[in-house]
Amino acid sequence: MIQVKKLSFDFPAKVLYKEVSFSLEMGQHCAFIGSNGSGKSTLVDMIINPDKYMYDGKIIKDESCRIGYASQFAVRDKEQEQTVFEYLSEKFVKNQNSTVAICEEMAVAENVEPLFEKYQALLDEFVSMDGDNYISNIQKQLYIAGMRELEETKLSELSGGEYKLLQIMKEMLLSQNLLVLDEPDVFLDFGNLNRLCKLINGYKGTLLAITHNRYLLNHCFNKILHLEDGDIQEYDGSYSEYRCSQLKEKLKLKQQSIEEQEEIYRTEKMVDALRIRATIVANPTLGNAVNAKQTQLDRLLARQIKEPFIELREPLIEFKPVEAKDDYTVLSVTDYSVSFDDVLLENISFELKSGEKVAIVGPNGTGKTTLIKDILKNNHPSIKIDENINYACLSQLTDENIDETKTVFEVMENLGFETKESISGYLEKFCLEGDALKQKVGQLSGGEKNLLKIAMIANTNAELLILDEPTSHLDIYVQMAVEKAISEYKGAVLMISHDFYLIANCADYVLLVEDKTLKRMRTRTFRKMVYDKYFNKEYLEVDKKKQELEAKITLAFKMDELMKVEKLCNQLEEISSN
C-alpha cells in the first residue's frame, strides 16, 4: 500500500528523518508511536501530500491507494443543524444530486461527450464508496459504535467526543482503503474510547494511527512503527510484543557493548605498552607491531555498537516542594450551576483541602471544562480560592497562558530565567532541548506544547495545581513521568482527565459527573466502576504489572544489573504472552 525508501527531511531548525524506510501492507492496522516532537504528524502529512515537501528518498503509493484522514482536532460549526445521519450521508447525497444534474444537462445538450465523462466519474466514485448500500452501512457503523440512538440527533447537540467519532466514521464510510488517524483518542471519555476501539477493530481497510493511548495500542494494532531521533523501527506484531522485543534487544546490545568495550580496553593497553617499548628499543618489528595494533584498535572503535535505538527520552518532571496544611481549605465551590441551551451542572458544592488530589471525571460535554474556567477566573460568586494560596493552571486552550508567536527561549526568558544555559538546563529535564529552544511555540507539536506548559507551572511555587487534561498529546513515557510528579507533589491538585491510569494512580478521590451533579467517589470504587462498565478488569491489572516490571527493568539497566534485567524481561514476556 505504502513504501517509504531512504527518506530524509529537515526543517531549518531541526532534522526530522535520516534515510528512514518502512512499508505498510494491505489490511494492516499500524500504530505510529514516538516521542513528542519526533515528527510523526509531519511524516503522515508527507505521505498524504508529498508534493508539499522537498525531501530526499522516495514515497511510493500503490495506484489503488485512496487515503482518508481524520485530524486530532475536531472543529465544527456549533450552529450546524444537520442530523448525524445527514452528516454521514453528505458525500453520498451530493454525488447523487450531481449525477441527477448531469443527466438533466445531457438530456438537452448538443455535445454530451464531456458531460458523459463527468457522469462516468461520478458513477465510479459512487461505486468506490459502496454507494448503493450507504444507508445500511451508516446504520451498521452507528450500531458498531453504540451510537444508533443518535441517528436523528443534531450535530450541535453532540459532545466533542461524539463529534470526533463521527469524523472518523465518515472517513470509514467513504471506503478509503488507507485511513490515517492523528491522535484519535485525545480528550475522549471512557465510553467514547471504547466506541473508538470497536470502530478501529471493525474497519477492514488499512489503517495508520498516531496514538499514545495504552489501551488502543494493546487492543487495535498488529504493526508498530516507532519514530525516534530521526530513525524508524518497524515491527510486525502487537505493542506488548514490541515492548518485550525492544527490551530484549536492548539487553543483547548492552551485553555486546560491554564485551566490545572490554576488548577495546585490552587493545588500548597493548598499544600503549608497545609504544613504550618502541621508544626504548629501536626495532622496526616493534614499530610494525604498534601500527598493526593501532589499526586493530581503530577498527574496533569504528564498528563499536551505538547506543541502543531504544534508549528512550524519559523526562524528569518535578513540581517545586510545598507543605500541605492540615485541614486547610484551598478551594470551595458552593451551589454552582452552569447552563447553555440546557443545564449542564446544577447546585454543585465541594471543597478541596490542602494536599488533596482530586479528579473530575465525566462524559464529554457535561460542563467540566466550563467549571474549571470559572474556577480560574476566580470571580464567580459560587467559587472561592483562598487568597493566601498560590495557584497555577494548565489549560488546553491554546490562547491561554502562552504566546504562540514567541520562541520557547523567549517564553522561558519572560519567566525570569537569566541565561541561555539556565533555560537549556531546565528544559533538558523535560526533553525540550537543542533546536526546540529556537522554535516558535506555535510550531511545536501538541505534545511539546503540553510539555512546555508543564515546565512553566513546575517552575512556580504553586500550592494548588488546576490541570485540564494534563496528559493529552503526551507520549507514553512522558505520561508516566507526569503521573509520578503529581503523585509525589505535596500540594493540592484539581484535574480534569480521561486518563484512567493517571486517575487510578494519583487521585485521592473522584468527583464523578452524574445527573448534572458531582458525586464523590473513592478511587477504588471508581476503578471498579470502570472495570464493570468500560474496560476489562483482568487487562488493566495485567497492564499495571507490565508497567511495574518495565520500571524495574529500566532501573536494573541504569544499575548495569544485566542478569536481573534478563530475569525481569522473561517475566514480562511470560505475562504478555498469556
Protein backbone atom coordinates (compact mmCIF):
# COMPACT_ATOMS: atom_id res chain seq x y z
CA MET A 1 0.00 0.00 0.00
CA ILE A 2 2.74 2.46 1.02
CA GLN A 3 6.53 2.21 0.68
CA VAL A 4 8.93 4.78 2.11
CA LYS A 5 12.55 4.38 0.99
CA LYS A 6 15.57 6.21 2.47
CA LEU A 7 13.51 9.31 3.28
CA SER A 8 15.40 12.32 4.66
CA PHE A 9 13.83 15.63 5.59
CA ASP A 10 14.56 18.57 7.87
CA PHE A 11 13.18 21.91 8.92
CA PRO A 12 15.51 24.94 9.11
CA ALA A 13 15.98 24.37 12.86
CA LYS A 14 15.53 20.60 13.09
CA VAL A 15 16.50 17.36 11.33
CA LEU A 16 13.46 15.06 11.36
CA TYR A 17 14.36 11.94 9.34
CA LYS A 18 17.65 10.41 8.25
CA GLU A 19 17.17 7.84 5.46
CA VAL A 20 14.19 6.12 7.07
CA SER A 21 12.49 3.22 5.31
CA PHE A 22 9.32 1.26 6.05
CA SER A 23 6.29 -0.26 4.35
CA LEU A 24 2.59 -0.55 5.09
CA GLU A 25 0.83 -3.63 3.73
CA MET A 26 -2.79 -4.01 2.65
CA GLY A 27 -5.12 -4.64 5.61
CA GLN A 28 -2.62 -3.85 8.37
CA HIS A 29 -3.64 -1.78 11.40
CA CYS A 30 -0.46 0.12 12.24
CA ALA A 31 0.25 2.25 15.33
CA PHE A 32 2.71 5.08 14.78
CA ILE A 33 4.47 5.93 18.05
CA GLY A 34 7.41 8.07 19.19
CA SER A 35 8.48 10.88 21.46
CA ASN A 36 6.70 14.23 21.35
CA GLY A 37 8.12 16.38 18.57
CA SER A 38 9.81 13.49 16.76
CA GLY A 39 7.88 14.31 13.56
CA LYS A 40 5.04 11.77 13.41
CA SER A 41 2.33 14.19 12.19
CA THR A 42 4.71 15.70 9.62
CA LEU A 43 5.58 12.27 8.21
CA VAL A 44 1.89 11.39 7.95
CA ASP A 45 1.25 14.66 6.09
CA MET A 46 4.17 13.88 3.75
CA ILE A 47 2.56 10.53 2.90
CA ILE A 48 -0.79 12.21 2.19
CA ASN A 49 0.60 15.33 0.46
CA PRO A 50 4.14 14.53 -0.77
CA ASP A 51 4.13 17.43 -3.27
CA LYS A 52 4.10 19.95 -0.40
CA TYR A 53 7.61 18.95 0.72
CA MET A 54 11.18 18.97 -0.57
CA TYR A 55 12.74 15.71 0.62
CA ASP A 56 15.30 13.10 -0.34
CA GLY A 57 14.25 9.50 -0.90
CA LYS A 58 11.00 8.03 -2.17
CA ILE A 59 7.37 7.79 -1.07
CA ILE A 60 5.65 5.18 -3.22
CA LYS A 61 1.88 4.65 -3.09
CA ASP A 62 0.00 1.79 -4.69
CA GLU A 63 -2.10 3.01 -7.63
CA SER A 64 -5.26 1.86 -5.87
CA CYS A 65 -4.42 3.80 -2.68
CA ARG A 66 -7.20 6.20 -1.62
CA ILE A 67 -6.39 7.98 1.62
CA GLY A 68 -8.86 9.20 4.23
CA TYR A 69 -7.71 11.42 7.09
CA ALA A 70 -9.15 12.41 10.46
CA SER A 71 -7.35 15.19 12.34
CA GLN A 72 -6.61 15.22 16.07
CA PHE A 73 -8.57 18.49 16.27
CA ALA A 74 -12.35 18.14 15.87
CA VAL A 75 -13.51 21.53 14.54
CA ARG A 76 -17.19 22.13 13.85
CA ASP A 77 -19.82 24.80 13.47
CA LYS A 78 -21.75 24.82 16.74
CA GLU A 79 -24.83 26.11 14.89
CA GLN A 80 -24.75 23.23 12.41
CA GLU A 81 -28.32 21.92 12.14
CA GLN A 82 -27.59 18.71 10.24
CA THR A 83 -28.54 15.46 11.89
CA VAL A 84 -25.97 12.73 12.46
CA PHE A 85 -27.40 10.71 9.54
CA GLU A 86 -27.38 13.75 7.23
CA TYR A 87 -23.75 14.48 8.15
CA LEU A 88 -22.62 10.89 7.48
CA SER A 89 -24.56 10.66 4.20
CA GLU A 90 -23.48 14.11 2.93
CA LYS A 91 -20.95 12.90 0.34
CA PHE A 92 -23.31 10.21 -0.99
CA VAL A 93 -26.27 12.59 -1.36
CA LYS A 94 -24.05 15.20 -3.02
CA ASN A 95 -22.88 12.60 -5.53
CA GLN A 96 -26.48 11.54 -6.28
CA ASN A 97 -27.62 15.16 -6.74
CA SER A 98 -24.68 15.89 -9.05
CA THR A 99 -25.47 12.77 -11.08
CA VAL A 100 -29.12 13.85 -11.50
CA ALA A 101 -27.99 17.34 -12.56
CA ILE A 102 -25.59 15.91 -15.17
CA CYS A 103 -28.35 13.68 -16.54
CA GLU A 104 -30.65 16.70 -16.91
CA GLU A 105 -27.89 18.58 -18.77
CA MET A 106 -27.25 15.58 -21.05
CA ALA A 107 -30.95 15.48 -21.98
CA VAL A 108 -30.77 18.91 -23.66
CA ALA A 109 -27.07 19.19 -24.61
CA GLU A 110 -25.88 19.05 -28.19
CA ASN A 111 -22.47 17.61 -27.23
CA VAL A 112 -22.89 15.01 -24.49
CA GLU A 113 -19.36 13.57 -24.58
CA PRO A 114 -17.74 15.84 -21.92
CA LEU A 115 -20.88 15.52 -19.78
CA PHE A 116 -20.79 11.75 -20.11
CA GLU A 117 -17.20 11.74 -18.81
CA LYS A 118 -18.33 13.66 -15.70
CA TYR A 119 -21.28 11.30 -15.34
CA GLN A 120 -18.99 8.25 -15.51
CA ALA A 121 -16.57 9.77 -12.97
CA LEU A 122 -19.47 10.32 -10.54
CA LEU A 123 -20.67 6.74 -11.04
CA ASP A 124 -17.15 5.37 -10.45
CA GLU A 125 -16.87 7.44 -7.28
CA PHE A 126 -20.27 6.20 -6.07
CA VAL A 127 -19.31 2.58 -6.70
CA SER A 128 -15.92 3.01 -4.95
CA MET A 129 -17.80 4.30 -1.87
CA ASP A 130 -20.23 1.34 -1.96
CA GLY A 131 -22.92 3.98 -2.53
CA ASP A 132 -25.74 1.53 -3.24
CA ASN A 133 -25.54 0.38 0.38
CA TYR A 134 -24.71 3.68 2.07
CA ILE A 135 -27.87 3.82 4.22
CA SER A 136 -27.38 0.34 5.68
CA ASN A 137 -23.61 0.98 6.03
CA ILE A 138 -24.25 4.14 8.06
CA GLN A 139 -26.68 2.32 10.33
CA LYS A 140 -24.22 -0.54 10.74
CA GLN A 141 -21.37 1.82 11.71
CA LEU A 142 -23.58 3.63 14.23
CA TYR A 143 -24.57 0.24 15.69
CA ILE A 144 -20.93 -0.92 15.97
CA ALA A 145 -20.04 2.28 17.83
CA GLY A 146 -23.10 2.04 20.10
CA MET A 147 -24.44 5.34 18.70
CA ARG A 148 -27.55 4.14 16.85
CA GLU A 149 -29.82 6.22 19.08
CA LEU A 150 -28.05 9.39 17.85
CA GLU A 151 -29.03 8.91 14.18
CA GLU A 152 -31.52 11.81 14.16
CA THR A 153 -29.67 13.97 16.71
CA LYS A 154 -28.49 17.41 15.58
CA LEU A 155 -24.71 17.87 15.39
CA SER A 156 -24.98 20.94 17.61
CA GLU A 157 -26.29 18.73 20.41
CA LEU A 158 -23.35 16.29 20.35
CA SER A 159 -20.39 16.32 22.70
CA GLY A 160 -16.92 16.97 21.30
CA GLY A 161 -16.02 13.31 21.71
CA GLU A 162 -19.11 12.11 19.84
CA TYR A 163 -18.43 14.55 17.01
CA LYS A 164 -14.84 13.35 16.77
CA LEU A 165 -16.02 9.75 16.41
CA LEU A 166 -18.39 10.86 13.62
CA GLN A 167 -15.46 12.41 11.72
CA ILE A 168 -13.65 9.06 11.86
CA MET A 169 -16.82 7.16 10.94
CA LYS A 170 -17.42 9.46 7.95
CA GLU A 171 -13.97 8.67 6.54
CA MET A 172 -14.51 4.94 7.10
CA LEU A 173 -17.83 5.03 5.22
CA LEU A 174 -16.21 6.55 2.11
CA SER A 175 -14.38 3.22 1.66
CA GLN A 176 -10.94 4.77 1.51
CA ASN A 177 -8.53 1.84 1.59
CA LEU A 178 -6.00 3.67 3.75
CA LEU A 179 -7.33 5.58 6.77
CA VAL A 180 -4.97 7.87 8.67
CA LEU A 181 -5.91 8.92 12.22
CA ASP A 182 -3.91 11.57 14.08
CA GLU A 183 -4.32 11.04 17.86
CA PRO A 184 -7.97 9.97 17.54
CA ASP A 185 -8.25 9.29 21.29
CA VAL A 186 -7.35 12.76 22.61
CA PHE A 187 -9.97 14.09 25.07
CA LEU A 188 -12.28 11.07 24.61
CA ASP A 189 -14.10 9.89 27.70
CA PHE A 190 -14.12 6.18 28.62
CA GLY A 191 -17.34 5.45 26.74
CA ASN A 192 -16.17 7.12 23.52
CA LEU A 193 -12.74 5.49 23.79
CA ASN A 194 -14.49 2.12 23.89
CA ARG A 195 -16.52 3.11 20.83
CA LEU A 196 -13.34 4.15 19.01
CA CYS A 197 -11.75 0.79 19.81
CA LYS A 198 -14.75 -1.01 18.27
CA LEU A 199 -14.69 1.20 15.16
CA ILE A 200 -10.98 0.56 14.57
CA ASN A 201 -11.27 -3.18 15.09
CA GLY A 202 -14.30 -3.34 12.78
CA TYR A 203 -12.52 -1.46 9.97
CA LYS A 204 -11.47 -3.79 7.14
CA GLY A 205 -9.10 -1.43 5.31
CA THR A 206 -5.51 -0.42 6.04
CA LEU A 207 -5.14 1.94 8.99
CA LEU A 208 -2.29 4.12 10.24
CA ALA A 209 -2.87 5.82 13.59
CA ILE A 210 -0.68 8.16 15.61
CA THR A 211 -1.51 7.35 19.21
CA HIS A 212 -0.06 7.26 22.72
CA ASN A 213 -3.11 5.60 24.24
CA ARG A 214 -2.07 2.44 26.07
CA TYR A 215 -5.49 0.82 25.78
CA LEU A 216 -5.71 1.31 22.00
CA LEU A 217 -2.10 0.21 21.49
CA ASN A 218 -2.78 -3.08 23.22
CA HIS A 219 -6.13 -3.79 21.55
CA CYS A 220 -6.23 -2.42 18.00
CA PHE A 221 -2.95 -2.84 16.13
CA ASN A 222 -0.87 -5.60 14.53
CA LYS A 223 2.07 -3.47 13.39
CA ILE A 224 4.19 -0.84 15.13
CA LEU A 225 6.21 2.00 13.59
CA HIS A 226 8.42 3.69 16.19
CA LEU A 227 9.98 7.02 15.21
CA GLU A 228 12.81 8.20 17.43
CA ASP A 229 15.75 10.51 16.86
CA GLY A 230 15.34 10.62 13.07
CA ASP A 231 15.19 6.83 12.71
CA ILE A 232 12.31 4.36 12.39
CA GLN A 233 11.99 0.91 13.88
CA GLU A 234 9.44 -1.37 12.19
CA TYR A 235 7.79 -4.29 13.98
CA ASP A 236 5.10 -6.71 12.81
CA GLY A 237 3.12 -7.66 15.90
CA SER A 238 1.29 -6.13 18.86
CA TYR A 239 2.56 -3.32 21.05
CA SER A 240 3.09 -5.69 24.02
CA GLU A 241 5.19 -7.99 21.84
CA TYR A 242 7.12 -5.00 20.53
CA ARG A 243 7.96 -3.76 24.04
CA CYS A 244 9.25 -7.22 25.04
CA SER A 245 11.28 -7.48 21.84
CA GLN A 246 12.60 -3.95 22.34
CA LEU A 247 13.83 -4.58 25.88
CA LYS A 248 15.41 -7.93 24.98
CA GLU A 249 17.19 -6.32 22.03
CA LYS A 250 18.45 -3.59 24.33
CA LEU A 251 19.81 -6.26 26.70
CA LYS A 252 21.55 -8.04 23.82
CA LEU A 253 23.13 -4.81 22.55
CA LYS A 254 24.17 -3.84 26.06
CA GLN A 255 25.92 -7.20 26.56
CA GLN A 256 27.66 -6.90 23.19
CA SER A 257 28.68 -3.34 24.00
CA ILE A 258 30.23 -4.43 27.30
CA GLU A 259 32.23 -7.17 25.54
CA GLU A 260 33.38 -4.68 22.89
CA GLN A 261 34.43 -2.12 25.48
CA GLU A 262 36.45 -4.78 27.29
CA GLU A 263 38.21 -5.72 24.03
CA ILE A 264 38.85 -2.06 23.22
CA TYR A 265 40.32 -1.55 26.71
CA ARG A 266 42.66 -4.57 26.32
CA THR A 267 43.77 -3.43 22.85
CA GLU A 268 44.45 0.13 24.10
CA LYS A 269 46.62 -1.28 26.89
CA MET A 270 48.59 -3.36 24.37
CA VAL A 271 49.08 -0.35 22.06
CA ASP A 272 50.32 1.77 24.98
CA ALA A 273 52.73 -0.99 26.11
CA LEU A 274 54.12 -1.48 22.60
CA ARG A 275 54.59 2.28 22.15
CA ILE A 276 56.61 2.46 25.37
CA ARG A 277 58.84 -0.45 24.27
CA ALA A 278 59.27 1.10 20.81
CA THR A 279 60.60 4.33 22.36
CA ILE A 280 63.17 2.36 24.37
CA VAL A 281 64.28 -0.19 21.73
CA ALA A 282 64.91 0.93 18.14
CA ASN A 283 63.40 -2.12 16.46
CA PRO A 284 61.43 -1.95 13.16
CA THR A 285 59.47 -5.06 14.13
CA LEU A 286 58.15 -3.26 17.23
CA GLY A 287 57.12 -0.30 15.07
CA ASN A 288 55.17 -2.57 12.73
CA ALA A 289 53.51 -4.24 15.72
CA VAL A 290 52.44 -0.84 17.08
CA ASN A 291 50.93 0.12 13.72
CA ALA A 292 49.13 -3.22 13.39
CA LYS A 293 47.61 -2.99 16.87
CA GLN A 294 46.63 0.65 16.34
CA THR A 295 44.87 -0.33 13.10
CA GLN A 296 43.03 -3.09 15.01
CA LEU A 297 42.04 -0.56 17.69
CA ASP A 298 40.78 1.91 15.07
CA ARG A 299 38.60 -0.80 13.53
CA LEU A 300 37.17 -1.74 16.93
CA LEU A 301 36.35 1.90 17.67
CA ALA A 302 34.78 2.39 14.22
CA ARG A 303 32.45 -0.59 14.45
CA GLN A 304 31.54 -0.43 18.12
CA ILE A 305 27.84 -0.68 18.85
CA LYS A 306 26.00 2.61 19.07
CA GLU A 307 23.75 3.42 22.00
CA PRO A 308 20.69 1.19 21.55
CA PHE A 309 17.97 2.78 19.47
CA ILE A 310 15.52 2.08 22.24
CA GLU A 311 17.17 4.40 24.75
CA LEU A 312 14.00 6.45 25.13
CA ARG A 313 13.76 10.05 26.24
CA GLU A 314 12.39 9.90 29.76
CA PRO A 315 11.81 13.36 31.25
CA LEU A 316 12.42 14.21 34.87
CA ILE A 317 9.34 16.18 35.92
CA GLU A 318 9.21 17.57 39.44
CA PHE A 319 6.96 20.23 40.93
CA LYS A 320 8.54 22.56 43.49
CA PRO A 321 8.16 21.26 47.05
CA VAL A 322 5.37 22.79 49.14
CA GLU A 323 3.95 21.94 52.54
CA ALA A 324 0.43 20.63 52.97
CA LYS A 325 -1.52 22.34 55.77
CA ASP A 326 -3.71 20.13 57.94
CA ASP A 327 -7.46 20.51 57.32
CA TYR A 328 -6.95 23.73 55.35
CA THR A 329 -9.45 24.54 52.57
CA VAL A 330 -7.73 25.91 49.46
CA LEU A 331 -10.80 25.91 47.19
CA SER A 332 -14.53 25.90 47.88
CA VAL A 333 -17.40 25.67 45.36
CA THR A 334 -20.92 26.31 46.70
CA ASP A 335 -24.20 25.94 44.79
CA TYR A 336 -22.50 26.34 41.41
CA SER A 337 -24.60 25.89 38.25
CA VAL A 338 -23.83 26.24 34.57
CA SER A 339 -26.07 26.05 31.52
CA PHE A 340 -26.09 26.92 27.84
CA ASP A 341 -29.11 25.69 25.90
CA ASP A 342 -29.58 23.07 28.64
CA VAL A 343 -28.50 22.85 32.26
CA LEU A 344 -25.13 21.05 32.42
CA LEU A 345 -24.28 21.26 36.13
CA GLU A 346 -26.69 22.23 38.88
CA ASN A 347 -26.12 23.20 42.53
CA ILE A 348 -22.57 21.82 42.67
CA SER A 349 -20.77 22.05 46.01
CA PHE A 350 -17.40 20.66 47.12
CA GLU A 351 -14.23 21.63 48.98
CA LEU A 352 -10.61 20.89 48.17
CA LYS A 353 -8.26 20.58 51.13
CA SER A 354 -4.53 21.28 51.17
CA GLY A 355 -2.61 18.26 49.85
CA GLU A 356 -5.66 16.54 48.30
CA LYS A 357 -5.56 15.29 44.73
CA VAL A 358 -8.98 15.15 43.08
CA ALA A 359 -10.06 14.20 39.55
CA ILE A 360 -13.26 15.47 37.94
CA VAL A 361 -14.45 12.71 35.61
CA GLY A 362 -17.44 12.54 33.30
CA PRO A 363 -18.64 12.19 29.70
CA ASN A 364 -17.64 14.73 27.05
CA GLY A 365 -19.80 17.85 27.04
CA THR A 366 -21.01 17.79 30.64
CA GLY A 367 -19.58 21.16 31.74
CA LYS A 368 -16.28 20.09 33.35
CA THR A 369 -14.05 22.49 31.40
CA THR A 370 -16.52 25.36 31.94
CA LEU A 371 -16.31 24.73 35.69
CA ILE A 372 -12.51 24.79 35.56
CA LYS A 373 -12.53 28.04 33.54
CA ASP A 374 -14.81 29.68 36.12
CA ILE A 375 -12.52 28.48 38.94
CA LEU A 376 -9.53 30.02 37.18
CA LYS A 377 -11.31 33.36 36.70
CA ASN A 378 -11.97 33.31 40.46
CA ASN A 379 -14.70 35.93 40.19
CA HIS A 380 -17.78 33.71 40.34
CA PRO A 381 -19.94 34.20 43.45
CA SER A 382 -20.08 30.41 44.00
CA ILE A 383 -16.30 29.91 43.80
CA LYS A 384 -13.60 30.91 46.25
CA ILE A 385 -9.85 30.21 46.09
CA ASP A 386 -8.13 31.05 49.37
CA GLU A 387 -6.43 34.43 48.94
CA ASN A 388 -3.26 33.19 50.66
CA ILE A 389 -2.80 30.34 48.18
CA ASN A 390 -0.56 30.49 45.11
CA TYR A 391 -2.07 28.52 42.26
CA ALA A 392 -1.08 27.59 38.71
CA CYS A 393 -3.08 26.11 35.87
CA LEU A 394 -2.63 24.05 32.76
CA SER A 395 -5.29 24.85 30.17
CA GLN A 396 -5.98 23.10 26.87
CA LEU A 397 -6.99 26.39 25.24
CA THR A 398 -4.10 27.46 23.01
CA ASP A 399 -4.55 31.19 23.63
CA GLU A 400 -4.25 30.92 27.41
CA ASN A 401 -1.02 31.13 29.45
CA ILE A 402 1.30 31.17 26.46
CA ASP A 403 2.13 33.42 23.47
CA GLU A 404 2.48 31.15 20.45
CA THR A 405 4.32 33.81 18.41
CA LYS A 406 7.30 33.74 20.80
CA THR A 407 10.11 31.19 20.73
CA VAL A 408 10.43 28.66 23.54
CA PHE A 409 13.54 30.54 24.69
CA GLU A 410 11.64 33.87 24.84
CA VAL A 411 8.75 32.31 26.78
CA MET A 412 11.13 30.94 29.41
CA GLU A 413 13.13 34.19 29.49
CA ASN A 414 9.91 36.02 30.37
CA LEU A 415 9.52 33.71 33.38
CA GLY A 416 12.70 35.09 34.92
CA PHE A 417 15.45 32.78 33.66
CA GLU A 418 18.50 34.96 33.19
CA THR A 419 20.80 32.96 30.90
CA LYS A 420 20.53 30.65 27.91
CA GLU A 421 22.38 28.00 29.92
CA SER A 422 19.85 28.09 32.76
CA ILE A 423 16.93 27.80 30.31
CA SER A 424 18.61 25.00 28.38
CA GLY A 425 19.49 23.11 31.58
CA TYR A 426 15.96 23.43 32.96
CA LEU A 427 14.13 22.39 29.78
CA GLU A 428 16.53 19.50 29.17
CA LYS A 429 14.89 17.75 32.14
CA PHE A 430 11.59 17.95 30.22
CA CYS A 431 13.16 16.62 26.99
CA LEU A 432 12.78 20.06 25.39
CA GLU A 433 16.29 20.69 24.21
CA GLY A 434 18.50 21.75 21.33
CA ASP A 435 16.53 23.02 18.36
CA ALA A 436 13.27 23.17 20.34
CA LEU A 437 14.51 26.35 22.09
CA LYS A 438 14.70 28.21 18.77
CA GLN A 439 11.23 27.18 17.61
CA LYS A 440 8.16 29.36 17.99
CA VAL A 441 5.59 27.87 20.36
CA GLY A 442 3.07 27.69 17.51
CA GLN A 443 5.46 25.42 15.57
CA LEU A 444 5.68 22.84 18.37
CA SER A 445 3.77 19.58 18.27
CA GLY A 446 0.74 19.19 20.55
CA GLY A 447 2.79 17.10 22.97
CA GLU A 448 5.68 19.56 23.04
CA LYS A 449 3.29 22.44 23.80
CA ASN A 450 1.81 20.48 26.69
CA LEU A 451 5.31 19.66 27.97
CA LEU A 452 6.24 23.35 27.81
CA LYS A 453 3.12 24.28 29.81
CA ILE A 454 4.01 21.65 32.41
CA ALA A 455 7.58 23.00 32.56
CA MET A 456 6.17 26.50 33.13
CA ILE A 457 3.92 25.54 36.04
CA ALA A 458 6.65 23.33 37.53
CA ASN A 459 8.75 26.50 37.85
CA THR A 460 6.16 28.15 40.14
CA ASN A 461 5.70 27.88 43.90
CA ALA A 462 2.08 26.88 43.45
CA GLU A 463 0.32 25.23 46.37
CA LEU A 464 -2.67 24.39 44.14
CA LEU A 465 -2.45 22.97 40.61
CA ILE A 466 -5.52 23.16 38.37
CA LEU A 467 -4.96 20.82 35.42
CA ASP A 468 -7.16 20.33 32.35
CA GLU A 469 -6.23 17.01 30.66
CA PRO A 470 -2.56 17.17 31.73
CA THR A 471 -1.50 14.02 29.82
CA SER A 472 -3.17 14.87 26.50
CA HIS A 473 -0.91 14.55 23.41
CA LEU A 474 1.97 13.28 25.59
CA ASP A 475 3.88 10.13 24.66
CA ILE A 476 3.67 7.15 27.00
CA TYR A 477 6.91 7.83 28.86
CA VAL A 478 6.05 11.47 29.49
CA GLN A 479 2.60 10.39 30.71
CA MET A 480 4.27 8.13 33.27
CA ALA A 481 6.62 10.95 34.32
CA VAL A 482 3.62 13.28 34.85
CA GLU A 483 1.88 10.59 36.93
CA LYS A 484 4.98 10.26 39.11
CA ALA A 485 5.33 14.06 39.52
CA ILE A 486 1.67 14.51 40.54
CA SER A 487 1.74 11.57 42.97
CA GLU A 488 4.86 12.99 44.69
CA TYR A 489 3.59 16.59 44.79
CA LYS A 490 2.55 17.69 48.32
CA GLY A 491 0.22 20.49 47.24
CA ALA A 492 -3.44 20.26 46.20
CA VAL A 493 -4.42 19.14 42.70
CA LEU A 494 -7.75 19.54 40.90
CA MET A 495 -7.69 17.93 37.48
CA ILE A 496 -9.99 17.01 34.63
CA SER A 497 -8.84 13.80 32.99
CA HIS A 498 -9.98 10.86 30.90
CA ASP A 499 -6.66 9.09 31.51
CA PHE A 500 -7.59 6.05 33.58
CA TYR A 501 -4.00 5.41 34.67
CA LEU A 502 -3.47 8.98 35.85
CA ILE A 503 -6.71 8.94 37.86
CA ALA A 504 -6.18 5.46 39.31
CA ASN A 505 -2.57 6.15 40.27
CA CYS A 506 -2.82 9.72 41.54
CA ALA A 507 -6.30 10.74 42.71
CA ASP A 508 -7.30 10.52 46.38
CA TYR A 509 -10.91 10.54 45.24
CA VAL A 510 -13.01 11.25 42.17
CA LEU A 511 -15.80 13.75 41.55
CA LEU A 512 -17.97 11.95 39.00
CA VAL A 513 -20.35 13.98 36.83
CA GLU A 514 -23.69 12.21 37.06
CA ASP A 515 -27.24 13.55 36.62
CA LYS A 516 -25.98 17.17 36.38
CA THR A 517 -24.19 16.99 39.72
CA LEU A 518 -20.86 15.80 41.14
CA LYS A 519 -20.83 12.55 43.05
CA ARG A 520 -17.86 11.98 45.35
CA MET A 521 -16.38 8.53 44.86
CA ARG A 522 -13.40 6.69 46.34
CA THR A 523 -10.70 5.87 43.77
CA ARG A 524 -11.14 2.15 44.47
CA THR A 525 -14.89 2.43 43.74
CA PHE A 526 -14.12 4.40 40.58
CA ARG A 527 -11.74 1.69 39.38
CA LYS A 528 -14.41 -0.96 39.92
CA MET A 529 -16.96 1.13 38.02
CA VAL A 530 -14.55 1.47 35.07
CA TYR A 531 -13.85 -2.27 35.14
CA ASP A 532 -17.58 -3.07 35.11
CA LYS A 533 -18.74 -0.52 32.52
CA TYR A 534 -15.89 0.03 30.07
CA PHE A 535 -12.71 -2.00 30.26
CA ASN A 536 -11.62 -5.50 31.10
CA LYS A 537 -10.51 -5.74 34.74
CA GLU A 538 -8.00 -8.50 34.02
CA TYR A 539 -6.43 -6.48 31.20
CA LEU A 540 -5.98 -3.37 33.36
CA GLU A 541 -4.47 -5.35 36.23
CA VAL A 542 -2.08 -7.19 33.88
CA ASP A 543 -1.13 -3.90 32.24
CA LYS A 544 -0.32 -2.42 35.65
CA LYS A 545 2.01 -5.38 36.35
CA LYS A 546 3.70 -4.80 32.99
CA GLN A 547 4.32 -1.14 33.87
CA GLU A 548 5.80 -2.13 37.22
CA LEU A 549 8.08 -4.70 35.54
CA GLU A 550 9.19 -2.17 32.91
CA ALA A 551 10.03 0.33 35.65
CA LYS A 552 12.14 -2.34 37.41
CA ILE A 553 13.86 -3.22 34.11
CA THR A 554 14.69 0.45 33.49
CA LEU A 555 16.22 0.75 36.97
CA ALA A 556 18.18 -2.50 36.53
CA PHE A 557 19.59 -1.20 33.23
CA LYS A 558 20.74 2.00 34.94
CA MET A 559 22.47 -0.07 37.63
CA ASP A 560 24.02 -2.38 34.94
CA GLU A 561 22.41 -5.39 36.66
CA LEU A 562 22.04 -7.32 33.41
CA MET A 563 21.27 -10.73 34.94
CA LYS A 564 18.37 -9.09 36.77
CA VAL A 565 17.27 -7.42 33.52
CA GLU A 566 17.19 -10.80 31.75
CA LYS A 567 15.13 -12.36 34.52
CA LEU A 568 12.64 -9.45 34.52
CA CYS A 569 12.39 -9.50 30.70
CA ASN A 570 11.46 -13.17 30.81
CA GLN A 571 8.74 -12.39 33.36
CA LEU A 572 7.43 -9.58 31.15
CA GLU A 573 7.39 -11.85 28.11
CA GLU A 574 5.50 -14.53 30.05
CA ILE A 575 2.83 -12.05 31.22
CA SER A 576 2.48 -10.55 27.72
CA SER A 577 2.03 -13.93 26.03
CA ASN A 578 -0.79 -15.07 28.37
